[in-house]
Amino acid sequence: MAYTEHLKSCKLPTLHYRQIRGDMIEIYKMLSGKFDAAVIPRVNRQCSYVIRGNDLRLEKSRSKYDLHKYYFTKRVVNIWNSLPNHGVLCDTVNKFKSHLDKFWQYQGIVYDYKASKRIVLYFNR
């Protein structure tokens, strides 16, 4: 049985999907004030009035070195900015998780490990 078929039969998401989902949950907690402000890494919110995307858009800064683009604060920006507004503005973490799962349900990222790599490469352009 192929790896993707095995994941679908066991109803298990790929490791890459779980890592991206965990990153999105952590950045949601940071932006919604669930963490202490003294211990969270600095993420800059975008102050422009862009119609597309969500109201909590993050500013994408440039990296001088390749090593910096793999930092948590750099790798979550594009994926976070692509999320819909109704999911980002949820009241609780559990509501955010359910909106995130519904948004990614039909995008092929859950069970297909090749699709999840393509999606992340697309977001990191």
Protein backbone atom coordinates (compact mmCIF):
# COMPACT_ATOMS: atom_id res chain seq x y z
CA MET A 1 0.00 0.00 0.00
CA ALA A 2 1.31 3.46 -0.86
CA TYR A 3 2.13 5.91 1.91
CA THR A 4 -0.72 8.31 1.08
CA GLU A 5 -3.24 5.47 0.87
CA HIS A 6 -2.01 4.14 4.19
CA LEU A 7 -2.46 7.58 5.79
CA LYS A 8 -5.98 7.89 4.40
CA SER A 9 -6.98 4.42 5.59
CA CYS A 10 -5.69 5.11 9.10
CA LYS A 11 -7.02 8.71 9.00
CA LEU A 12 -3.62 10.12 9.98
CA PRO A 13 -2.31 13.42 8.61
CA THR A 14 1.27 13.71 7.43
CA LEU A 15 4.01 14.88 9.77
CA HIS A 16 4.55 17.96 7.64
CA TYR A 17 0.87 18.93 7.96
CA ARG A 18 1.01 18.51 11.73
CA GLN A 19 4.09 20.75 11.90
CA ILE A 20 2.43 23.50 9.86
CA ARG A 21 -0.80 23.18 11.87
CA GLY A 22 1.15 23.43 15.13
CA ASP A 23 2.93 26.54 13.89
CA MET A 24 -0.39 28.17 12.99
CA ILE A 25 -1.82 27.35 16.43
CA GLU A 26 1.21 28.86 18.15
CA ILE A 27 1.13 32.07 16.12
CA TYR A 28 -2.62 32.35 16.82
CA LYS A 29 -1.91 32.12 20.55
CA MET A 30 0.79 34.77 20.25
CA LEU A 31 -1.35 37.23 18.31
CA SER A 32 -4.47 36.72 20.41
CA GLY A 33 -2.67 37.35 23.71
CA LYS A 34 -2.73 33.82 25.13
CA PHE A 35 1.03 33.98 25.82
CA ASP A 36 2.96 36.38 28.03
CA ALA A 37 4.19 39.26 25.86
CA ALA A 38 7.66 39.14 27.44
CA VAL A 39 8.46 35.62 26.23
CA ILE A 40 7.07 35.52 22.70
CA PRO A 41 9.28 36.23 19.68
CA ARG A 42 8.70 39.53 17.96
CA VAL A 43 6.37 39.40 14.98
CA ASN A 44 5.44 42.59 13.20
CA ARG A 45 1.84 43.17 12.18
CA GLN A 46 1.26 44.73 8.80
CA CYS A 47 -0.25 48.20 9.04
CA SER A 48 -1.60 48.54 5.53
CA TYR A 49 -5.24 48.46 4.58
CA VAL A 50 -5.20 45.54 2.19
CA ILE A 51 -8.59 44.21 1.18
CA ARG A 52 -7.43 40.62 0.66
CA GLY A 53 -6.45 38.28 3.46
CA ASN A 54 -7.18 38.59 7.15
CA ASP A 55 -7.20 41.52 9.56
CA LEU A 56 -4.20 40.18 11.50
CA ARG A 57 -1.76 40.08 8.60
CA LEU A 58 1.92 39.84 9.45
CA GLU A 59 4.67 41.84 7.84
CA LYS A 60 7.09 39.85 5.73
CA SER A 61 10.64 40.97 6.28
CA ARG A 62 13.56 40.07 4.06
CA SER A 63 16.36 37.79 5.18
CA LYS A 64 19.95 38.49 4.37
CA TYR A 65 21.05 34.91 4.98
CA ASP A 66 19.35 31.66 3.99
CA LEU A 67 19.50 30.46 7.57
CA HIS A 68 17.11 33.19 8.73
CA LYS A 69 14.29 32.16 6.40
CA TYR A 70 13.81 28.96 8.41
CA TYR A 71 13.19 30.79 11.72
CA PHE A 72 9.74 30.41 13.19
CA THR A 73 8.91 34.08 12.79
CA LYS A 74 9.82 33.97 9.09
CA ARG A 75 8.33 30.65 8.03
CA VAL A 76 4.83 31.25 9.39
CA VAL A 77 4.19 34.63 7.75
CA ASN A 78 3.03 33.54 4.28
CA ILE A 79 0.88 30.69 5.51
CA TRP A 80 -0.69 32.87 8.23
CA ASN A 81 -1.47 35.65 5.76
CA SER A 82 -3.25 33.17 3.47
CA LEU A 83 -5.76 32.13 6.15
CA PRO A 84 -9.32 33.50 5.95
CA ASN A 85 -10.46 36.30 8.23
CA HIS A 86 -13.26 34.34 9.94
CA GLY A 87 -10.78 31.71 11.10
CA VAL A 88 -8.14 34.11 12.37
CA LEU A 89 -10.57 36.19 14.43
CA CYS A 90 -11.94 33.27 16.48
CA ASP A 91 -12.46 33.63 20.23
CA THR A 92 -10.91 30.38 21.41
CA VAL A 93 -8.10 28.10 20.33
CA ASN A 94 -10.46 25.19 19.69
CA LYS A 95 -12.59 27.28 17.32
CA PHE A 96 -9.43 28.33 15.50
CA LYS A 97 -8.35 24.68 15.16
CA SER A 98 -11.71 23.67 13.71
CA HIS A 99 -11.71 26.59 11.24
CA LEU A 100 -8.15 25.75 10.23
CA ASP A 101 -9.01 22.10 9.63
CA LYS A 102 -12.09 23.05 7.60
CA PHE A 103 -10.07 25.49 5.50
CA TRP A 104 -7.36 22.92 4.72
CA GLN A 105 -9.74 19.97 4.34
CA TYR A 106 -10.00 20.10 0.54
CA GLN A 107 -6.53 21.40 -0.27
CA GLY A 108 -4.71 18.06 -0.37
CA ILE A 109 -2.31 19.03 2.40
CA VAL A 110 -3.65 16.61 5.03
CA TYR A 111 -2.79 13.20 3.56
CA ASP A 112 -0.50 13.90 0.63
CA TYR A 113 3.06 14.54 1.76
CA LYS A 114 4.06 15.76 -1.71
CA ALA A 115 1.21 18.29 -1.77
CA SER A 116 2.17 19.66 1.64
CA LYS A 117 5.74 20.30 0.44
CA ARG A 118 4.46 22.00 -2.72
CA ILE A 119 2.10 24.20 -0.70
CA VAL A 120 4.85 25.29 1.68
CA LEU A 121 7.18 26.01 -1.23
CA TYR A 122 4.40 28.04 -2.82
CA PHE A 123 3.84 30.04 0.36
CA ASN A 124 7.56 30.66 0.91
CA ARG A 125 8.09 32.44 -2.41
